[in-house]
Structure formats: C-alpha cells, structure tokens
C-alpha atoms as a PDB file:
ATOM      1  CA  UNK A   1      26.070  64.982-179.098  1.00  0.00           C
ATOM      2  CA  UNK A   2      24.847  63.867-175.672  1.00  0.00           C
ATOM      3  CA  UNK A   3      21.611  62.635-177.243  1.00  0.00           C
ATOM      4  CA  UNK A   4      23.618  60.372-179.548  1.00  0.00           C
ATOM      5  CA  UNK A   5      25.742  59.092-176.662  1.00  0.00           C
ATOM      6  CA  UNK A   6      22.717  58.238-174.514  1.00  0.00           C
ATOM      7  CA  UNK A   7      20.907  56.631-177.452  1.00  0.00           C
ATOM      8  CA  UNK A   8      23.988  54.540-178.227  1.00  0.00           C
ATOM      9  CA  UNK A   9      24.271  53.386-174.595  1.00  0.00           C
ATOM     10  CA  UNK A  10      20.587  52.426-174.455  1.00  0.00           C
ATOM     11  CA  UNK A  11      20.769  50.486-177.722  1.00  0.00           C
ATOM     12  CA  UNK A  12      23.914  48.642-176.597  1.00  0.00           C
ATOM     13  CA  UNK A  13      22.235  47.748-173.295  1.00  0.00           C
ATOM     14  CA  UNK A  14      19.114  46.401-174.993  1.00  0.00           C
ATOM     15  CA  UNK A  15      21.111  44.442-177.586  1.00  0.00           C
ATOM     16  CA  UNK A  16      23.389  42.987-174.908  1.00  0.00           C
ATOM     17  CA  UNK A  17      20.393  42.048-172.744  1.00  0.00           C
ATOM     18  CA  UNK A  18      18.707  40.307-175.663  1.00  0.00           C
ATOM     19  CA  UNK A  19      21.900  38.493-176.639  1.00  0.00           C
ATOM     20  CA  UNK A  20      22.517  37.189-173.100  1.00  0.00           C
ATOM     21  CA  UNK A  21      18.903  36.340-172.329  1.00  0.00           C
ATOM     22  CA  UNK A  22      18.532  39.078-169.699  1.00  0.00           C
ATOM     23  CA  UNK A  23      15.758  41.150-171.310  1.00  0.00           C
ATOM     24  CA  UNK A  24      13.604  40.755-168.192  1.00  0.00           C
ATOM     25  CA  UNK A  25      16.314  42.357-166.048  1.00  0.00           C
ATOM     26  CA  UNK A  26      16.761  45.140-168.620  1.00  0.00           C
ATOM     27  CA  UNK A  27      13.011  45.869-168.579  1.00  0.00           C
ATOM     28  CA  UNK A  28      12.865  45.855-164.771  1.00  0.00           C
ATOM     29  CA  UNK A  29      15.898  48.137-164.553  1.00  0.00           C
ATOM     30  CA  UNK A  30      14.318  50.584-167.017  1.00  0.00           C
ATOM     31  CA  UNK A  31      11.058  50.718-165.014  1.00  0.00           C
ATOM     32  CA  UNK A  32      12.854  51.032-161.665  1.00  0.00           C
ATOM     33  CA  UNK A  33      15.105  53.784-163.008  1.00  0.00           C
ATOM     34  CA  UNK A  34      12.089  55.694-164.350  1.00  0.00           C
ATOM     35  CA  UNK A  35      10.474  55.545-160.917  1.00  0.00           C
ATOM     36  CA  UNK A  36      13.677  56.717-159.218  1.00  0.00           C
ATOM     37  CA  UNK A  37      13.963  59.580-161.697  1.00  0.00           C
ATOM     38  CA  UNK A  38      10.473  60.814-160.825  1.00  0.00           C
ATOM     39  CA  UNK A  39      11.190  60.490-157.109  1.00  0.00           C
ATOM     40  CA  UNK A  40      14.468  62.390-157.498  1.00  0.00           C
ATOM     41  CA  UNK A  41      12.745  65.168-159.449  1.00  0.00           C
ATOM     42  CA  UNK A  42      10.150  65.580-156.690  1.00  0.00           C
ATOM     43  CA  UNK A  43      12.903  65.758-154.070  1.00  0.00           C
ATOM     44  CA  UNK A  44      14.886  68.291-156.074  1.00  0.00           C
ATOM     45  CA  UNK A  45      11.788  70.433-156.664  1.00  0.00           C
ATOM     46  CA  UNK A  46      11.321  70.650-152.905  1.00  0.00           C
ATOM     47  CA  UNK A  47      14.958  71.575-152.333  1.00  0.00           C
ATOM     48  CA  UNK A  48      14.835  74.102-155.162  1.00  0.00           C
ATOM     49  CA  UNK A  49      11.661  75.701-153.785  1.00  0.00           C
ATOM     50  CA  UNK A  50      13.232  76.026-150.331  1.00  0.00           C
ATOM     51  CA  UNK A  51      16.518  77.596-151.435  1.00  0.00           C
ATOM     52  CA  UNK A  52      15.106  79.775-154.192  1.00  0.00           C
ATOM     53  CA  UNK A  53      12.577  81.034-151.644  1.00  0.00           C
ATOM     54  CA  UNK A  54      15.391  81.837-149.231  1.00  0.00           C
ATOM     55  CA  UNK A  55      17.194  83.608-152.075  1.00  0.00           C
ATOM     56  CA  UNK A  56      14.123  85.764-152.714  1.00  0.00           C
ATOM     57  CA  UNK A  57      13.873  86.597-148.993  1.00  0.00           C
ATOM     58  CA  UNK A  58      17.547  87.570-148.958  1.00  0.00           C
ATOM     59  CA  UNK A  59      17.025  89.713-152.052  1.00  0.00           C
ATOM     60  CA  UNK A  60      13.939  91.444-150.633  1.00  0.00           C
ATOM     61  CA  UNK A  61      15.632  92.094-147.283  1.00  0.00           C
ATOM     62  CA  UNK A  62      18.590  93.744-149.023  1.00  0.00           C
ATOM     63  CA  UNK A  63      21.064  91.051-148.002  1.00  0.00           C
ATOM     64  CA  UNK A  64      21.962  90.225-151.601  1.00  0.00           C
ATOM     65  CA  UNK A  65      22.588  93.897-152.340  1.00  0.00           C
ATOM     66  CA  UNK A  66      24.898  94.166-149.341  1.00  0.00           C
ATOM     67  CA  UNK A  67      26.777  91.041-150.384  1.00  0.00           C
ATOM     68  CA  UNK A  68      27.025  92.397-153.928  1.00  0.00           C
ATOM     69  CA  UNK A  69      28.611  95.589-152.604  1.00  0.00           C
ATOM     70  CA  UNK A  70      31.024  93.471-150.617  1.00  0.00           C
ATOM     71  CA  UNK A  71      32.302  91.588-153.668  1.00  0.00           C
ATOM     72  CA  UNK A  72      32.352  94.671-155.912  1.00  0.00           C
ATOM     73  CA  UNK A  73      36.161  95.045-155.558  1.00  0.00           C
ATOM     74  CA  UNK A  74      36.513  91.464-156.798  1.00  0.00           C
ATOM     75  CA  UNK A  75      34.178  92.187-159.725  1.00  0.00           C
ATOM     76  CA  UNK A  76      36.200  95.285-160.629  1.00  0.00           C
ATOM     77  CA  UNK A  77      39.407  93.251-160.416  1.00  0.00           C
ATOM     78  CA  UNK A  78      38.109  90.477-162.672  1.00  0.00           C
ATOM     79  CA  UNK A  79      36.227  92.744-165.092  1.00  0.00           C
ATOM     80  CA  UNK A  80      38.248  95.977-165.285  1.00  0.00           C
ATOM     81  CA  UNK A  81      36.783  96.965-168.667  1.00  0.00           C
ATOM     82  CA  UNK A  82      33.141  96.866-167.592  1.00  0.00           C
ATOM     83  CA  UNK A  83      32.060 100.468-166.898  1.00  0.00           C
ATOM     84  CA  UNK A  84      31.258 101.168-163.254  1.00  0.00           C
ATOM     85  CA  UNK A  85      27.542 101.017-162.575  1.00  0.00           C
ATOM     86  CA  UNK A  86      26.830  98.956-165.694  1.00  0.00           C
ATOM     87  CA  UNK A  87      23.875  96.568-165.339  1.00  0.00           C
ATOM     88  CA  UNK A  88      26.142  93.584-166.053  1.00  0.00           C
ATOM     89  CA  UNK A  89      27.954  94.144-162.752  1.00  0.00           C
ATOM     90  CA  UNK A  90      24.782  93.603-160.727  1.00  0.00           C
ATOM     91  CA  UNK A  91      23.806  90.419-162.551  1.00  0.00           C
ATOM     92  CA  UNK A  92      27.343  89.022-162.335  1.00  0.00           C
ATOM     93  CA  UNK A  93      27.416  89.727-158.590  1.00  0.00           C
ATOM     94  CA  UNK A  94      24.033  88.042-158.058  1.00  0.00           C
ATOM     95  CA  UNK A  95      25.141  85.020-160.063  1.00  0.00           C
ATOM     96  CA  UNK A  96      28.386  84.641-158.113  1.00  0.00           C
ATOM     97  CA  UNK A  97      26.626  84.988-154.758  1.00  0.00           C
ATOM     98  CA  UNK A  98      23.989  82.411-155.699  1.00  0.00           C
ATOM     99  CA  UNK A  99      26.737  80.026-156.824  1.00  0.00           C
ATOM    100  CA  UNK A 100      28.655  80.490-153.584  1.00  0.00           C
ATOM    101  CA  UNK A 101      25.503  79.634-151.643  1.00  0.00           C
ATOM    102  CA  UNK A 102      25.034  76.543-153.802  1.00  0.00           C
ATOM    103  CA  UNK A 103      21.835  77.806-155.434  1.00  0.00           C
ATOM    104  CA  UNK A 104      22.516  76.585-158.951  1.00  0.00           C
ATOM    105  CA  UNK A 105      18.938  77.115-160.104  1.00  0.00           C
ATOM    106  CA  UNK A 106      18.706  80.598-158.658  1.00  0.00           C
ATOM    107  CA  UNK A 107      21.927  81.722-160.327  1.00  0.00           C
ATOM    108  CA  UNK A 108      20.882  80.704-163.847  1.00  0.00           C
ATOM    109  CA  UNK A 109      18.493  83.626-164.554  1.00  0.00           C
ATOM    110  CA  UNK A 110      21.094  86.124-163.305  1.00  0.00           C
ATOM    111  CA  UNK A 111      23.745  84.435-165.453  1.00  0.00           C
ATOM    112  CA  UNK A 112      21.607  84.687-168.583  1.00  0.00           C
ATOM    113  CA  UNK A 113      20.850  88.352-167.899  1.00  0.00           C
ATOM    114  CA  UNK A 114      24.553  89.007-167.313  1.00  0.00           C
ATOM    115  CA  UNK A 115      25.371  87.529-170.719  1.00  0.00           C
ATOM    116  CA  UNK A 116      22.656  89.666-172.316  1.00  0.00           C
ATOM    117  CA  UNK A 117      24.108  92.810-170.763  1.00  0.00           C
ATOM    118  CA  UNK A 118      27.633  91.852-171.814  1.00  0.00           C
ATOM    119  CA  UNK A 119      26.325  91.390-175.365  1.00  0.00           C
ATOM    120  CA  UNK A 120      24.780  94.872-175.198  1.00  0.00           C
ATOM    121  CA  UNK A 121      28.135  96.181-174.009  1.00  0.00           C
ATOM    122  CA  UNK A 122      29.794  94.666-177.071  1.00  0.00           C
ATOM    123  CA  UNK A 123      27.157  96.333-179.232  1.00  0.00           C
ATOM    124  CA  UNK A 124      27.928  99.676-177.576  1.00  0.00           C
ATOM    125  CA  UNK A 125      31.609  99.105-178.284  1.00  0.00           C
ATOM    126  CA  UNK A 126      30.807  98.621-181.970  1.00  0.00           C
ATOM    127  CA  UNK A 127      31.673  94.922-182.179  1.00  0.00           C
ATOM    128  CA  UNK A 128      30.253  93.994-185.623  1.00  0.00           C
ATOM    129  CA  UNK A 129      29.071  90.566-184.516  1.00  0.00           C
ATOM    130  CA  UNK A 130      26.718  92.126-181.994  1.00  0.00           C
ATOM    131  CA  UNK A 131      25.399  94.996-184.103  1.00  0.00           C
ATOM    132  CA  UNK A 132      21.955  94.824-185.736  1.00  0.00           C
ATOM    133  CA  UNK A 133      22.135  93.921-189.411  1.00  0.00           C
ATOM    134  CA  UNK A 134      20.979  97.378-190.532  1.00  0.00           C
ATOM    135  CA  UNK A 135      23.783  99.067-188.578  1.00  0.00           C
ATOM    136  CA  UNK A 136      26.361  96.725-190.100  1.00  0.00           C
ATOM    137  CA  UNK A 137      25.017  97.502-193.572  1.00  0.00           C
ATOM    138  CA  UNK A 138      25.162 101.266-192.939  1.00  0.00           C
ATOM    139  CA  UNK A 139      28.717 100.976-191.604  1.00  0.00           C
ATOM    140  CA  UNK A 140      29.676  98.949-194.660  1.00  0.00           C
ATOM    141  CA  UNK A 141      28.150 101.539-197.004  1.00  0.00           C
ATOM    142  CA  UNK A 142      29.975 104.375-195.279  1.00  0.00           C
ATOM    143  CA  UNK A 143      33.316 102.579-195.591  1.00  0.00           C
ATOM    144  CA  UNK A 144      32.728 101.908-199.295  1.00  0.00           C
ATOM    145  CA  UNK A 145      31.665 105.516-199.899  1.00  0.00           C
ATOM    146  CA  UNK A 146      34.799 106.732-198.140  1.00  0.00           C
ATOM    147  CA  UNK A 147      36.860 104.641-200.552  1.00  0.00           C
ATOM    148  CA  UNK A 148      38.786 102.788-197.853  1.00  0.00           C
ATOM    149  CA  UNK A 149      41.215 100.280-199.244  1.00  0.00           C
ATOM    150  CA  UNK A 150      40.551  97.754-196.520  1.00  0.00           C
ATOM    151  CA  UNK A 151      37.711  95.256-196.576  1.00  0.00           C
ATOM    152  CA  UNK A 152      34.316  96.206-195.271  1.00  0.00           C
ATOM    153  CA  UNK A 153      32.820  95.153-191.965  1.00  0.00           C
ATOM    154  CA  UNK A 154      30.550  92.723-193.749  1.00  0.00           C
ATOM    155  CA  UNK A 155      33.512  91.270-195.663  1.00  0.00           C
ATOM    156  CA  UNK A 156      35.296  90.690-192.378  1.00  0.00           C
ATOM    157  CA  UNK A 157      32.293  88.759-191.118  1.00  0.00           C
ATOM    158  CA  UNK A 158      32.305  86.262-193.889  1.00  0.00           C
ATOM    159  CA  UNK A 159      30.755  87.827-197.001  1.00  0.00           C
ATOM    160  CA  UNK A 160      28.298  85.194-198.188  1.00  0.00           C
ATOM    161  CA  UNK A 161      27.239  84.337-194.652  1.00  0.00           C
ATOM    162  CA  UNK A 162      26.506  88.011-193.979  1.00  0.00           C
ATOM    163  CA  UNK A 163      24.158  88.110-196.974  1.00  0.00           C
ATOM    164  CA  UNK A 164      22.275  85.195-195.477  1.00  0.00           C
ATOM    165  CA  UNK A 165      21.907  87.102-192.206  1.00  0.00           C
ATOM    166  CA  UNK A 166      24.535  85.050-190.405  1.00  0.00           C
ATOM    167  CA  UNK A 167      27.194  87.045-188.584  1.00  0.00           C
ATOM    168  CA  UNK A 168      30.054  85.591-186.597  1.00  0.00           C
ATOM    169  CA  UNK A 169      29.912  86.350-182.898  1.00  0.00           C
ATOM    170  CA  UNK A 170      33.083  85.960-180.888  1.00  0.00           C
ATOM    171  CA  UNK A 171      32.720  85.861-177.105  1.00  0.00           C
ATOM    172  CA  UNK A 172      34.270  88.877-175.441  1.00  0.00           C
ATOM    173  CA  UNK A 173      36.976  88.662-172.778  1.00  0.00           C
ATOM    174  CA  UNK A 174      34.376  89.524-170.127  1.00  0.00           C
ATOM    175  CA  UNK A 175      32.030  86.777-171.343  1.00  0.00           C
ATOM    176  CA  UNK A 176      34.769  84.146-171.198  1.00  0.00           C
ATOM    177  CA  UNK A 177      35.897  85.290-167.749  1.00  0.00           C
ATOM    178  CA  UNK A 178      32.337  85.212-166.423  1.00  0.00           C
ATOM    179  CA  UNK A 179      31.714  81.738-167.843  1.00  0.00           C
ATOM    180  CA  UNK A 180      34.917  80.359-166.305  1.00  0.00           C
ATOM    181  CA  UNK A 181      34.090  81.873-162.912  1.00  0.00           C
ATOM    182  CA  UNK A 182      30.550  80.533-163.123  1.00  0.00           C
ATOM    183  CA  UNK A 183      31.749  77.001-163.857  1.00  0.00           C
ATOM    184  CA  UNK A 184      34.504  76.954-161.226  1.00  0.00           C
ATOM    185  CA  UNK A 185      32.625  78.883-158.541  1.00  0.00           C
ATOM    186  CA  UNK A 186      33.388  78.472-154.857  1.00  0.00           C
ATOM    187  CA  UNK A 187      30.491  76.753-153.059  1.00  0.00           C
ATOM    188  CA  UNK A 188      29.961  76.994-149.324  1.00  0.00           C
ATOM    189  CA  UNK A 189      26.819  74.820-149.344  1.00  0.00           C
ATOM    190  CA  UNK A 190      26.634  72.275-152.213  1.00  0.00           C
ATOM    191  CA  UNK A 191      22.853  72.003-152.090  1.00  0.00           C
ATOM    192  CA  UNK A 192      22.521  69.756-155.139  1.00  0.00           C
ATOM    193  CA  UNK A 193      25.006  67.165-153.916  1.00  0.00           C
ATOM    194  CA  UNK A 194      23.499  67.130-150.437  1.00  0.00           C
ATOM    195  CA  UNK A 195      20.055  66.499-151.943  1.00  0.00           C
ATOM    196  CA  UNK A 196      21.379  63.702-154.178  1.00  0.00           C
ATOM    197  CA  UNK A 197      23.165  62.032-151.262  1.00  0.00           C
ATOM    198  CA  UNK A 198      20.064  62.235-149.096  1.00  0.00           C
ATOM    199  CA  UNK A 199      17.904  60.800-151.865  1.00  0.00           C
ATOM    200  CA  UNK A 200      20.144  57.771-152.231  1.00  0.00           C
ATOM    201  CA  UNK A 201      20.401  56.980-148.527  1.00  0.00           C
ATOM    202  CA  UNK A 202      23.665  58.572-147.424  1.00  0.00           C
ATOM    203  CA  UNK A 203      24.258  58.284-143.675  1.00  0.00           C
ATOM    204  CA  UNK A 204      25.685  61.811-143.624  1.00  0.00           C
ATOM    205  CA  UNK A 205      24.449  63.834-146.644  1.00  0.00           C
ATOM    206  CA  UNK A 206      26.139  67.025-145.427  1.00  0.00           C
ATOM    207  CA  UNK A 207      29.511  65.309-145.082  1.00  0.00           C
ATOM    208  CA  UNK A 208      30.389  66.579-148.559  1.00  0.00           C
ATOM    209  CA  UNK A 209      30.516  70.218-147.406  1.00  0.00           C
ATOM    210  CA  UNK A 210      34.171  70.263-146.276  1.00  0.00           C
ATOM    211  CA  UNK A 211      35.627  68.534-149.358  1.00  0.00           C
ATOM    212  CA  UNK A 212      33.363  70.603-151.635  1.00  0.00           C
ATOM    213  CA  UNK A 213      34.598  73.882-150.131  1.00  0.00           C
ATOM    214  CA  UNK A 214      38.225  72.784-150.522  1.00  0.00           C
ATOM    215  CA  UNK A 215      37.748  71.569-154.107  1.00  0.00           C
ATOM    216  CA  UNK A 216      35.800  74.609-155.288  1.00  0.00           C
ATOM    217  CA  UNK A 217      38.208  76.997-153.544  1.00  0.00           C
ATOM    218  CA  UNK A 218      41.075  75.480-155.518  1.00  0.00           C
ATOM    219  CA  UNK A 219      39.082  75.534-158.768  1.00  0.00           C
ATOM    220  CA  UNK A 220      38.141  79.192-158.238  1.00  0.00           C
ATOM    221  CA  UNK A 221      41.718  80.176-157.436  1.00  0.00           C
ATOM    222  CA  UNK A 222      42.952  78.427-160.592  1.00  0.00           C
ATOM    223  CA  UNK A 223      40.200  80.127-162.621  1.00  0.00           C
ATOM    224  CA  UNK A 224      41.151  83.590-161.314  1.00  0.00           C
ATOM    225  CA  UNK A 225      44.852  83.072-162.071  1.00  0.00           C
ATOM    226  CA  UNK A 226      44.105  81.660-165.519  1.00  0.00           C
ATOM    227  CA  UNK A 227      41.721  84.494-166.464  1.00  0.00           C
ATOM    228  CA  UNK A 228      44.150  87.202-165.360  1.00  0.00           C
ATOM    229  CA  UNK A 229      47.038  85.545-167.192  1.00  0.00           C
ATOM    230  CA  UNK A 230      45.031  85.292-170.412  1.00  0.00           C
ATOM    231  CA  UNK A 231      43.790  88.847-170.002  1.00  0.00           C
ATOM    232  CA  UNK A 232      47.336  90.148-169.539  1.00  0.00           C
ATOM    233  CA  UNK A 233      48.521  88.150-172.560  1.00  0.00           C
ATOM    234  CA  UNK A 234      45.720  89.547-174.678  1.00  0.00           C
ATOM    235  CA  UNK A 235      46.591  93.121-173.744  1.00  0.00           C
ATOM    236  CA  UNK A 236      50.256  92.473-174.497  1.00  0.00           C
END
C-alpha cells in the first residue's frame, strides 16, 4: 500500500510541475533529495555502528544479562503464560532493553527471534495454525477414526485452503502483547531522532530527550494497561 501511495505522490508532483511550468524545479528537487538521502544513510550507518557496537560490548560484559534479570518481574507480569526459563523470555528482555536504550536496529533481531520462539510455544500448545501440515493431517485422521461428531482440525482451518497448504495463523495473546510493547516502548535515548536532528542542522539535537522520555513513558503505561485489560477480558 505504501508503494502505491508514494508512486501516486510522485506522479502528482511531476504532473503538477509540468502543468505549472516548474519541471526544472521538480528535477532539481529530485536530485537534491537523492543526494540528501545518501548523506543521511551514511550518517545513520555511523550512528548504527556506534550503538550496535556498544550493545555488543554490553552483551559481552554481561550488562545486558544483568538488566534482563532486573526486568524479569516485569516480563513475568506481562507474559504470565510463558513458561519460566523459556527462550522467548530472553529475547523479549533483550528487545525491550535495546528499545529503552534507543537502539532500534539492535532490537530488531531479538524481536524476530522472540516471535519465532512464541510461534514454537504455540506449536507446543497444539495450536493448529502453527503445527506442521503432517501433524495436522494425523490429528485430523485420528479425530475421524474416533468418530467425533465435531468438525476436524483441518475443517476448522478452512477446508479448501488447508488442502492447498494454507492454514490460518492467529497471533497469540503473548505475540500481540509483545508487539504492542515493542511499538510503544519507553526510550531513554532516542538515538534515531537525535541523528536526524543533527543531520538537518538542529542547534540542540539532544533537546528531544526530555520530551521523548515523557511521551514514551505515557505510551508504555497506556500499552501496559491496555494489554492487561484485554488479557483479563479474554480470560473472563
């Protein structure tokens, strides 16, 4: 959808420039913007290298592990149905810590691994959408052999779609909670915004830190309340 939106905006800009006789300005703006984009990418690569490197140092020194232990009560509070010691806990903790430190790039790999582990957890729980196709077929055969009156697992997943190898996956409560926390995360050092402000000539690039902490604290608090309310409603 975003591709269509951007394409539409570009086409409108070109058409408007041609209609008003400003094609030269449109061409110059396109070239200048391309140069700025390259310059911004180089700046962000430097910032990313610095902070990801610091993240690796913190991980190697054991600092991340200590911080993860410190937020474990919060993880248990937000994800009460994740078994203690499950691999997902560690990846979720790393992701949250990286987000708090403003290391958006560093938190992405941990976030992806956390989702993978949560998917494995759903498979262990027997959620049909996360089971391998052969296991779903065996479960379906067993139910039919037992003569159960209710529909089979495959039938519940959409019948014809199941035959085509397509099975509906519904995000678990833990997945939704993790995604909401990841999006609304508290940030003590908004590295990305500081880098953008510095790139575009801000007199005080770090001046965003105070407002960012306040805004993300509120967003995180709202996210926690919302997730717990929805979780309680689901259990009810």
